[in-house]
Protein backbone atom coordinates (compact mmCIF):
# COMPACT_ATOMS: atom_id res chain seq x y z
CA MET A 1 82.63 126.23 85.98
CA LYS A 2 83.57 125.60 81.85
CA VAL A 3 84.83 122.07 80.27
CA LEU A 4 85.97 121.87 76.98
CA VAL A 5 87.20 118.61 75.88
CA CYS A 6 89.13 118.62 72.30
CA ILE A 7 87.40 116.74 69.94
CA GLY A 8 90.03 117.28 67.03
CA SER A 9 91.10 114.38 65.30
CA SER A 10 93.75 113.22 67.73
CA CYS A 11 91.77 113.35 70.54
CA HIS A 12 88.56 112.13 68.51
CA LYS A 13 90.52 108.84 67.47
CA LYS A 14 91.37 108.44 71.18
CA GLY A 15 88.08 108.70 72.23
CA SER A 16 87.39 111.75 73.58
CA TYR A 17 83.79 111.93 72.50
CA ARG A 18 83.37 108.48 75.24
CA VAL A 19 85.53 110.67 77.83
CA GLN A 20 82.96 114.00 77.25
CA GLU A 21 79.99 111.47 77.88
CA ARG A 22 81.51 110.18 80.80
CA LEU A 23 82.46 112.98 82.11
CA LYS A 24 78.83 114.47 81.82
CA GLU A 25 77.71 111.43 83.20
CA LEU A 26 79.68 112.21 86.62
CA VAL A 27 78.50 115.70 86.56
CA GLU A 28 75.07 114.40 86.76
CA GLU A 29 75.71 111.57 89.54
CA HIS A 30 77.38 114.38 91.53
CA GLY A 31 74.13 117.32 90.92
CA LEU A 32 76.53 119.70 89.43
CA SER A 33 74.25 120.34 86.43
CA ASN A 34 74.11 123.53 87.27
CA GLU A 35 77.47 124.48 87.90
CA VAL A 36 79.26 123.00 84.94
CA THR A 37 79.16 123.70 81.15
CA PHE A 38 80.60 121.62 78.30
CA GLY A 39 81.82 122.61 75.08
CA SER A 40 84.42 120.96 72.58
CA ALA A 41 87.45 122.25 71.30
CA PHE A 42 88.93 121.42 68.06
CA CYS A 43 92.28 121.39 68.67
CA LEU A 44 94.17 122.28 72.16
CA GLY A 45 97.29 121.96 71.05
CA HIS A 46 98.33 119.14 73.22
CA CYS A 47 97.37 116.28 70.38
CA ARG A 48 100.55 113.90 71.45
CA ASP A 49 99.57 113.83 74.87
CA GLY A 50 96.21 112.04 74.94
CA ILE A 51 92.76 113.12 75.28
CA THR A 52 93.08 116.60 76.50
CA VAL A 53 90.25 118.59 78.65
CA SER A 54 90.30 122.27 79.22
CA ILE A 55 88.74 122.97 82.88
CA ASP A 56 88.05 126.83 83.26
CA ASP A 57 91.58 127.27 81.31
CA GLU A 58 93.46 124.74 83.09
CA ILE A 59 94.66 122.45 80.47
CA ILE A 60 94.64 118.70 81.30
CA THR A 61 96.26 116.13 79.02
CA GLY A 62 96.24 112.13 78.70
CA VAL A 63 92.54 111.98 79.94
CA GLY A 64 91.11 108.60 78.83
CA MET A 65 88.24 105.89 79.55
CA GLY A 66 90.67 104.64 82.32
CA ASN A 67 91.73 107.69 84.43
CA VAL A 68 88.59 110.19 83.21
CA ASP A 69 86.60 109.61 86.87
CA GLN A 70 89.90 110.33 88.98
CA VAL A 71 90.15 113.61 86.73
CA PHE A 72 86.71 114.30 87.74
CA GLU A 73 87.16 114.11 91.35
CA GLN A 74 90.70 116.03 91.37
CA PHE A 75 89.63 119.07 88.85
CA ILE A 76 85.95 119.14 89.06
CA LEU A 77 84.33 117.89 92.16
CA ASN A 78 86.95 119.26 94.47
CA GLN A 79 87.17 122.09 92.79
CA GLU A 80 82.97 123.14 93.56
């Protein structure tokens, strides 16, 4: 599974690096390091919709520290 977190200026200002770090922590905590790879994207085209994450080419918008754990459970943990 490939996870890309937008780090373009809009997402960066909203905390995308913290979101990416939290996703990495959750992957480690659940022992999924061999199944999940991370990368960054400079723009996923949803700048007005909050931090954008692509998981195996599925776009998830509006990700933030308040819902990143739920995004992990729904789109990563439940897909393994």
